[in-house]
Full PDB file with SEQRES, HELIX, SHEET, SSBOND, CRYST1, ORIGX, SCALE, CONECT and MASTER records, all heavy atoms in Angstrom:
SEQRES   1 A   31  ASN GLY THR VAL PHE LYS VAL GLN ALA VAL ILE LEU TRP          
SEQRES   2 A   31  LEU LEU ALA GLY ALA ALA LEU VAL LEU ALA VAL SER SER          
SEQRES   3 A   31  LEU TYR GLU CYS ILE                                          
HELIX    1 AA1 THR A    3  CYS A   30  1                                  28    
CRYST1    1.000    1.000    1.000  90.00  90.00  90.00 P 1           1          
ORIGX1      1.000000  0.000000  0.000000        0.00000                         
ORIGX2      0.000000  1.000000  0.000000        0.00000                         
ORIGX3      0.000000  0.000000  1.000000        0.00000                         
SCALE1      1.000000  0.000000  0.000000        0.00000                         
SCALE2      0.000000  1.000000  0.000000        0.00000                         
SCALE3      0.000000  0.000000  1.000000        0.00000                         
ATOM      1  N   ASN A   1       2.770  43.541  37.788  1.00  0.00           N  
ATOM      2  CA  ASN A   1       2.717  44.802  38.527  1.00  0.00           C  
ATOM      3  C   ASN A   1       3.692  45.802  37.929  1.00  0.00           C  
ATOM      4  O   ASN A   1       4.813  45.460  37.573  1.00  0.00           O  
ATOM      5  CB  ASN A   1       3.057  44.573  40.002  1.00  0.00           C  
ATOM      6  CG  ASN A   1       1.972  43.794  40.704  1.00  0.00           C  
ATOM      7  OD1 ASN A   1       0.816  43.851  40.311  1.00  0.00           O  
ATOM      8  ND2 ASN A   1       2.345  43.067  41.735  1.00  0.00           N  
ATOM      9  N   GLY A   2       3.248  47.037  37.823  1.00  0.00           N  
ATOM     10  CA  GLY A   2       4.122  48.107  37.329  1.00  0.00           C  
ATOM     11  C   GLY A   2       3.501  48.833  36.151  1.00  0.00           C  
ATOM     12  O   GLY A   2       2.836  48.238  35.313  1.00  0.00           O  
ATOM     13  N   THR A   3       3.753  50.114  36.107  1.00  0.00           N  
ATOM     14  CA  THR A   3       3.199  50.934  35.035  1.00  0.00           C  
ATOM     15  C   THR A   3       3.850  50.614  33.692  1.00  0.00           C  
ATOM     16  O   THR A   3       3.183  50.657  32.656  1.00  0.00           O  
ATOM     17  CB  THR A   3       3.409  52.421  35.367  1.00  0.00           C  
ATOM     18  OG1 THR A   3       2.874  52.679  36.663  1.00  0.00           O  
ATOM     19  CG2 THR A   3       2.729  53.312  34.365  1.00  0.00           C  
ATOM     20  N   VAL A   4       5.119  50.278  33.705  1.00  0.00           N  
ATOM     21  CA  VAL A   4       5.816  49.994  32.451  1.00  0.00           C  
ATOM     22  C   VAL A   4       5.188  48.784  31.748  1.00  0.00           C  
ATOM     23  O   VAL A   4       5.089  48.761  30.516  1.00  0.00           O  
ATOM     24  CB  VAL A   4       7.331  49.802  32.686  1.00  0.00           C  
ATOM     25  CG1 VAL A   4       7.626  48.529  33.434  1.00  0.00           C  
ATOM     26  CG2 VAL A   4       8.082  49.820  31.372  1.00  0.00           C  
ATOM     27  N   PHE A   5       4.713  47.803  32.496  1.00  0.00           N  
ATOM     28  CA  PHE A   5       4.086  46.637  31.881  1.00  0.00           C  
ATOM     29  C   PHE A   5       2.720  46.987  31.299  1.00  0.00           C  
ATOM     30  O   PHE A   5       2.313  46.433  30.279  1.00  0.00           O  
ATOM     31  CB  PHE A   5       3.969  45.507  32.900  1.00  0.00           C  
ATOM     32  CG  PHE A   5       5.305  45.014  33.380  1.00  0.00           C  
ATOM     33  CD1 PHE A   5       5.672  45.122  34.702  1.00  0.00           C  
ATOM     34  CD2 PHE A   5       6.210  44.453  32.499  1.00  0.00           C  
ATOM     35  CE1 PHE A   5       6.901  44.683  35.143  1.00  0.00           C  
ATOM     36  CE2 PHE A   5       7.448  44.003  32.919  1.00  0.00           C  
ATOM     37  CZ  PHE A   5       7.801  44.123  34.251  1.00  0.00           C  
ATOM     38  N   LYS A   6       2.003  47.909  31.936  1.00  0.00           N  
ATOM     39  CA  LYS A   6       0.717  48.351  31.400  1.00  0.00           C  
ATOM     40  C   LYS A   6       0.928  49.097  30.076  1.00  0.00           C  
ATOM     41  O   LYS A   6       0.174  48.916  29.119  1.00  0.00           O  
ATOM     42  CB  LYS A   6      -0.009  49.262  32.389  1.00  0.00           C  
ATOM     43  CG  LYS A   6      -0.189  48.696  33.776  1.00  0.00           C  
ATOM     44  CD  LYS A   6      -1.067  47.476  33.797  1.00  0.00           C  
ATOM     45  CE  LYS A   6      -1.355  47.088  35.239  1.00  0.00           C  
ATOM     46  NZ  LYS A   6      -1.154  45.712  35.547  1.00  0.00           N  
ATOM     47  N   VAL A   7       1.966  49.919  30.018  1.00  0.00           N  
ATOM     48  CA  VAL A   7       2.285  50.645  28.785  1.00  0.00           C  
ATOM     49  C   VAL A   7       2.674  49.664  27.684  1.00  0.00           C  
ATOM     50  O   VAL A   7       2.245  49.800  26.528  1.00  0.00           O  
ATOM     51  CB  VAL A   7       3.404  51.680  29.041  1.00  0.00           C  
ATOM     52  CG1 VAL A   7       3.916  52.276  27.743  1.00  0.00           C  
ATOM     53  CG2 VAL A   7       2.920  52.755  29.977  1.00  0.00           C  
ATOM     54  N   GLN A   8       3.460  48.668  28.028  1.00  0.00           N  
ATOM     55  CA  GLN A   8       3.847  47.651  27.051  1.00  0.00           C  
ATOM     56  C   GLN A   8       2.627  46.909  26.523  1.00  0.00           C  
ATOM     57  O   GLN A   8       2.521  46.642  25.318  1.00  0.00           O  
ATOM     58  CB  GLN A   8       4.813  46.656  27.681  1.00  0.00           C  
ATOM     59  CG  GLN A   8       6.166  47.217  27.983  1.00  0.00           C  
ATOM     60  CD  GLN A   8       7.021  46.244  28.773  1.00  0.00           C  
ATOM     61  OE1 GLN A   8       6.595  45.143  29.105  1.00  0.00           O  
ATOM     62  NE2 GLN A   8       8.226  46.657  29.088  1.00  0.00           N  
ATOM     63  N   ALA A   9       1.694  46.580  27.406  1.00  0.00           N  
ATOM     64  CA  ALA A   9       0.497  45.862  26.998  1.00  0.00           C  
ATOM     65  C   ALA A   9      -0.342  46.705  26.041  1.00  0.00           C  
ATOM     66  O   ALA A   9      -0.851  46.201  25.033  1.00  0.00           O  
ATOM     67  CB  ALA A   9      -0.322  45.460  28.215  1.00  0.00           C  
ATOM     68  N   VAL A  10      -0.459  47.987  26.325  1.00  0.00           N  
ATOM     69  CA  VAL A  10      -1.230  48.869  25.442  1.00  0.00           C  
ATOM     70  C   VAL A  10      -0.563  48.963  24.068  1.00  0.00           C  
ATOM     71  O   VAL A  10      -1.239  48.905  23.033  1.00  0.00           O  
ATOM     72  CB  VAL A  10      -1.405  50.258  26.082  1.00  0.00           C  
ATOM     73  CG1 VAL A  10      -1.938  51.264  25.085  1.00  0.00           C  
ATOM     74  CG2 VAL A  10      -2.318  50.173  27.288  1.00  0.00           C  
ATOM     75  N   ILE A  11       0.755  49.084  24.041  1.00  0.00           N  
ATOM     76  CA  ILE A  11       1.480  49.144  22.768  1.00  0.00           C  
ATOM     77  C   ILE A  11       1.279  47.856  21.979  1.00  0.00           C  
ATOM     78  O   ILE A  11       1.015  47.883  20.769  1.00  0.00           O  
ATOM     79  CB  ILE A  11       2.981  49.426  23.007  1.00  0.00           C  
ATOM     80  CG1 ILE A  11       3.171  50.839  23.548  1.00  0.00           C  
ATOM     81  CG2 ILE A  11       3.784  49.237  21.723  1.00  0.00           C  
ATOM     82  CD1 ILE A  11       4.577  51.113  24.047  1.00  0.00           C  
ATOM     83  N   LEU A  12       1.367  46.711  22.652  1.00  0.00           N  
ATOM     84  CA  LEU A  12       1.176  45.436  21.963  1.00  0.00           C  
ATOM     85  C   LEU A  12      -0.256  45.271  21.473  1.00  0.00           C  
ATOM     86  O   LEU A  12      -0.488  44.746  20.377  1.00  0.00           O  
ATOM     87  CB  LEU A  12       1.555  44.277  22.891  1.00  0.00           C  
ATOM     88  CG  LEU A  12       3.043  44.059  23.098  1.00  0.00           C  
ATOM     89  CD1 LEU A  12       3.279  43.001  24.162  1.00  0.00           C  
ATOM     90  CD2 LEU A  12       3.701  43.649  21.796  1.00  0.00           C  
ATOM     91  N   TRP A  13      -1.230  45.700  22.276  1.00  0.00           N  
ATOM     92  CA  TRP A  13      -2.621  45.592  21.841  1.00  0.00           C  
ATOM     93  C   TRP A  13      -2.888  46.492  20.636  1.00  0.00           C  
ATOM     94  O   TRP A  13      -3.633  46.113  19.732  1.00  0.00           O  
ATOM     95  CB  TRP A  13      -3.572  45.907  22.981  1.00  0.00           C  
ATOM     96  CG  TRP A  13      -3.792  44.743  23.898  1.00  0.00           C  
ATOM     97  CD1 TRP A  13      -3.840  43.429  23.551  1.00  0.00           C  
ATOM     98  CD2 TRP A  13      -3.993  44.777  25.308  1.00  0.00           C  
ATOM     99  NE1 TRP A  13      -4.045  42.644  24.656  1.00  0.00           N  
ATOM    100  CE2 TRP A  13      -4.151  43.442  25.749  1.00  0.00           C  
ATOM    101  CE3 TRP A  13      -4.051  45.801  26.243  1.00  0.00           C  
ATOM    102  CZ2 TRP A  13      -4.373  43.114  27.067  1.00  0.00           C  
ATOM    103  CZ3 TRP A  13      -4.279  45.472  27.568  1.00  0.00           C  
ATOM    104  CH2 TRP A  13      -4.430  44.144  27.969  1.00  0.00           C  
ATOM    105  N   LEU A  14      -2.290  47.676  20.596  1.00  0.00           N  
ATOM    106  CA  LEU A  14      -2.446  48.541  19.426  1.00  0.00           C  
ATOM    107  C   LEU A  14      -1.802  47.919  18.190  1.00  0.00           C  
ATOM    108  O   LEU A  14      -2.368  47.960  17.093  1.00  0.00           O  
ATOM    109  CB  LEU A  14      -1.855  49.920  19.704  1.00  0.00           C  
ATOM    110  CG  LEU A  14      -2.646  50.799  20.666  1.00  0.00           C  
ATOM    111  CD1 LEU A  14      -1.866  52.072  20.980  1.00  0.00           C  
ATOM    112  CD2 LEU A  14      -4.001  51.132  20.097  1.00  0.00           C  
ATOM    113  N   LEU A  15      -0.620  47.339  18.355  1.00  0.00           N  
ATOM    114  CA  LEU A  15       0.056  46.667  17.248  1.00  0.00           C  
ATOM    115  C   LEU A  15      -0.772  45.486  16.744  1.00  0.00           C  
ATOM    116  O   LEU A  15      -0.999  45.343  15.536  1.00  0.00           O  
ATOM    117  CB  LEU A  15       1.447  46.184  17.686  1.00  0.00           C  
ATOM    118  CG  LEU A  15       2.197  45.296  16.698  1.00  0.00           C  
ATOM    119  CD1 LEU A  15       2.653  46.123  15.508  1.00  0.00           C  
ATOM    120  CD2 LEU A  15       3.365  44.633  17.376  1.00  0.00           C  
ATOM    121  N   ALA A  16      -1.238  44.664  17.655  1.00  0.00           N  
ATOM    122  CA  ALA A  16      -2.030  43.501  17.257  1.00  0.00           C  
ATOM    123  C   ALA A  16      -3.358  43.924  16.647  1.00  0.00           C  
ATOM    124  O   ALA A  16      -3.830  43.311  15.684  1.00  0.00           O  
ATOM    125  CB  ALA A  16      -2.257  42.588  18.459  1.00  0.00           C  
ATOM    126  N   GLY A  17      -3.963  44.964  17.191  1.00  0.00           N  
ATOM    127  CA  GLY A  17      -5.231  45.438  16.641  1.00  0.00           C  
ATOM    128  C   GLY A  17      -5.089  45.970  15.233  1.00  0.00           C  
ATOM    129  O   GLY A  17      -5.916  45.683  14.364  1.00  0.00           O  
ATOM    130  N   ALA A  18      -4.043  46.741  14.989  1.00  0.00           N  
ATOM    131  CA  ALA A  18      -3.802  47.263  13.640  1.00  0.00           C  
ATOM    132  C   ALA A  18      -3.532  46.126  12.654  1.00  0.00           C  
ATOM    133  O   ALA A  18      -4.068  46.118  11.541  1.00  0.00           O  
ATOM    134  CB  ALA A  18      -2.633  48.239  13.658  1.00  0.00           C  
ATOM    135  N   ALA A  19      -2.722  45.161  13.068  1.00  0.00           N  
ATOM    136  CA  ALA A  19      -2.429  44.015  12.191  1.00  0.00           C  
ATOM    137  C   ALA A  19      -3.686  43.190  11.948  1.00  0.00           C  
ATOM    138  O   ALA A  19      -3.923  42.714  10.830  1.00  0.00           O  
ATOM    139  CB  ALA A  19      -1.345  43.146  12.809  1.00  0.00           C  
ATOM    140  N   LEU A  20      -4.515  43.040  12.970  1.00  0.00           N  
ATOM    141  CA  LEU A  20      -5.743  42.264  12.821  1.00  0.00           C  
ATOM    142  C   LEU A  20      -6.717  42.953  11.873  1.00  0.00           C  
ATOM    143  O   LEU A  20      -7.325  42.296  11.017  1.00  0.00           O  
ATOM    144  CB  LEU A  20      -6.393  42.048  14.189  1.00  0.00           C  
ATOM    145  CG  LEU A  20      -7.615  41.138  14.222  1.00  0.00           C  
ATOM    146  CD1 LEU A  20      -7.250  39.732  13.773  1.00  0.00           C  
ATOM    147  CD2 LEU A  20      -8.210  41.107  15.611  1.00  0.00           C  
ATOM    148  N   VAL A  21      -6.860  44.260  11.975  1.00  0.00           N  
ATOM    149  CA  VAL A  21      -7.761  44.996  11.080  1.00  0.00           C  
ATOM    150  C   VAL A  21      -7.280  44.873   9.638  1.00  0.00           C  
ATOM    151  O   VAL A  21      -8.079  44.607   8.729  1.00  0.00           O  
ATOM    152  CB  VAL A  21      -7.863  46.477  11.513  1.00  0.00           C  
ATOM    153  CG1 VAL A  21      -8.484  47.329  10.426  1.00  0.00           C  
ATOM    154  CG2 VAL A  21      -8.658  46.590  12.794  1.00  0.00           C  
ATOM    155  N   LEU A  22      -5.991  45.047   9.403  1.00  0.00           N  
ATOM    156  CA  LEU A  22      -5.458  44.936   8.046  1.00  0.00           C  
ATOM    157  C   LEU A  22      -5.589  43.517   7.492  1.00  0.00           C  
ATOM    158  O   LEU A  22      -5.935  43.322   6.324  1.00  0.00           O  
ATOM    159  CB  LEU A  22      -3.999  45.390   8.017  1.00  0.00           C  
ATOM    160  CG  LEU A  22      -3.770  46.881   8.271  1.00  0.00           C  
ATOM    161  CD1 LEU A  22      -2.284  47.176   8.371  1.00  0.00           C  
ATOM    162  CD2 LEU A  22      -4.412  47.707   7.190  1.00  0.00           C  
ATOM    163  N   ALA A  23      -5.317  42.531   8.325  1.00  0.00           N  
ATOM    164  CA  ALA A  23      -5.405  41.142   7.867  1.00  0.00           C  
ATOM    165  C   ALA A  23      -6.844  40.737   7.579  1.00  0.00           C  
ATOM    166  O   ALA A  23      -7.120  40.070   6.574  1.00  0.00           O  
ATOM    167  CB  ALA A  23      -4.793  40.206   8.902  1.00  0.00           C  
ATOM    168  N   VAL A  24      -7.765  41.144   8.429  1.00  0.00           N  
ATOM    169  CA  VAL A  24      -9.162  40.789   8.205  1.00  0.00           C  
ATOM    170  C   VAL A  24      -9.714  41.499   6.971  1.00  0.00           C  
ATOM    171  O   VAL A  24     -10.481  40.904   6.203  1.00  0.00           O  
ATOM    172  CB  VAL A  24     -10.006  41.093   9.464  1.00  0.00           C  
ATOM    173  CG1 VAL A  24     -11.483  41.025   9.178  1.00  0.00           C  
ATOM    174  CG2 VAL A  24      -9.646  40.114  10.571  1.00  0.00           C  
ATOM    175  N   SER A  25      -9.329  42.750   6.753  1.00  0.00           N  
ATOM    176  CA  SER A  25      -9.797  43.441   5.547  1.00  0.00           C  
ATOM    177  C   SER A  25      -9.239  42.781   4.285  1.00  0.00           C  
ATOM    178  O   SER A  25      -9.952  42.634   3.285  1.00  0.00           O  
ATOM    179  CB  SER A  25      -9.440  44.920   5.593  1.00  0.00           C  
ATOM    180  OG  SER A  25      -8.051  45.100   5.505  1.00  0.00           O  
ATOM    181  N   SER A  26      -7.995  42.352   4.330  1.00  0.00           N  
ATOM    182  CA  SER A  26      -7.416  41.644   3.194  1.00  0.00           C  
ATOM    183  C   SER A  26      -8.082  40.279   2.992  1.00  0.00           C  
ATOM    184  O   SER A  26      -8.337  39.865   1.861  1.00  0.00           O  
ATOM    185  CB  SER A  26      -5.912  41.470   3.403  1.00  0.00           C  
ATOM    186  OG  SER A  26      -5.343  40.762   2.346  1.00  0.00           O  
ATOM    187  N   LEU A  27      -8.359  39.613   4.089  1.00  0.00           N  
ATOM    188  CA  LEU A  27      -9.047  38.325   4.003  1.00  0.00           C  
ATOM    189  C   LEU A  27     -10.453  38.495   3.441  1.00  0.00           C  
ATOM    190  O   LEU A  27     -10.900  37.687   2.619  1.00  0.00           O  
ATOM    191  CB  LEU A  27      -9.092  37.674   5.384  1.00  0.00           C  
ATOM    192  CG  LEU A  27      -9.652  36.267   5.482  1.00  0.00           C  
ATOM    193  CD1 LEU A  27      -8.827  35.305   4.642  1.00  0.00           C  
ATOM    194  CD2 LEU A  27      -9.661  35.818   6.928  1.00  0.00           C  
ATOM    195  N   TYR A  28     -11.147  39.546   3.850  1.00  0.00           N  
ATOM    196  CA  TYR A  28     -12.487  39.816   3.320  1.00  0.00           C  
ATOM    197  C   TYR A  28     -12.435  40.095   1.821  1.00  0.00           C  
ATOM    198  O   TYR A  28     -13.290  39.627   1.062  1.00  0.00           O  
ATOM    199  CB  TYR A  28     -13.124  40.990   4.063  1.00  0.00           C  
ATOM    200  CG  TYR A  28     -14.485  41.340   3.527  1.00  0.00           C  
ATOM    201  CD1 TYR A  28     -15.588  40.547   3.821  1.00  0.00           C  
ATOM    202  CD2 TYR A  28     -14.672  42.456   2.722  1.00  0.00           C  
ATOM    203  CE1 TYR A  28     -16.837  40.858   3.316  1.00  0.00           C  
ATOM    204  CE2 TYR A  28     -15.917  42.768   2.220  1.00  0.00           C  
ATOM    205  CZ  TYR A  28     -16.995  41.972   2.518  1.00  0.00           C  
ATOM    206  OH  TYR A  28     -18.225  42.274   2.016  1.00  0.00           O  
ATOM    207  N   GLU A  29     -11.421  40.836   1.387  1.00  0.00           N  
ATOM    208  CA  GLU A  29     -11.266  41.112  -0.037  1.00  0.00           C  
ATOM    209  C   GLU A  29     -11.031  39.824  -0.821  1.00  0.00           C  
ATOM    210  O   GLU A  29     -11.600  39.632  -1.902  1.00  0.00           O  
ATOM    211  CB  GLU A  29     -10.111  42.083  -0.253  1.00  0.00           C  
ATOM    212  CG  GLU A  29      -9.862  42.431  -1.696  1.00  0.00           C  
ATOM    213  CD  GLU A  29      -8.658  43.327  -1.896  1.00  0.00           C  
ATOM    214  OE1 GLU A  29      -8.117  43.827  -0.903  1.00  0.00           O  
ATOM    215  OE2 GLU A  29      -8.268  43.507  -3.056  1.00  0.00           O  
ATOM    216  N   CYS A  30     -10.208  38.931  -0.272  1.00  0.00           N  
ATOM    217  CA  CYS A  30      -9.938  37.650  -0.941  1.00  0.00           C  
ATOM    218  C   CYS A  30     -11.202  36.807  -1.037  1.00  0.00           C  
ATOM    219  O   CYS A  30     -11.507  36.230  -2.084  1.00  0.00           O  
ATOM    220  CB  CYS A  30      -8.858  36.881  -0.189  1.00  0.00           C  
ATOM    221  SG  CYS A  30      -7.236  37.629  -0.238  1.00  0.00           S  
ATOM    222  N   ILE A  31     -11.938  36.731   0.046  1.00  0.00           N  
ATOM    223  CA  ILE A  31     -13.140  35.904   0.056  1.00  0.00           C  
ATOM    224  C   ILE A  31     -14.203  36.477  -0.872  1.00  0.00           C  
ATOM    225  O   ILE A  31     -14.879  35.742  -1.598  1.00  0.00           O  
ATOM    226  CB  ILE A  31     -13.656  35.735   1.500  1.00  0.00           C  
ATOM    227  CG1 ILE A  31     -12.677  34.861   2.271  1.00  0.00           C  
ATOM    228  CG2 ILE A  31     -15.052  35.157   1.530  1.00  0.00           C  
ATOM    229  CD1 ILE A  31     -12.971  34.748   3.739  1.00  0.00           C  
TER     230      ILE A  31                                                      
MASTER        0    0    0    1    0    0    0    6  229    1    0    3          
END                                                                             
């Protein structure tokens, strides 16, 4: 509960999403 936790979750999801896109594109290039 709390708005600060929702903001934290959005920040973490953006960080994880950016890392996932970069990692998958690099993995695709390797394969």
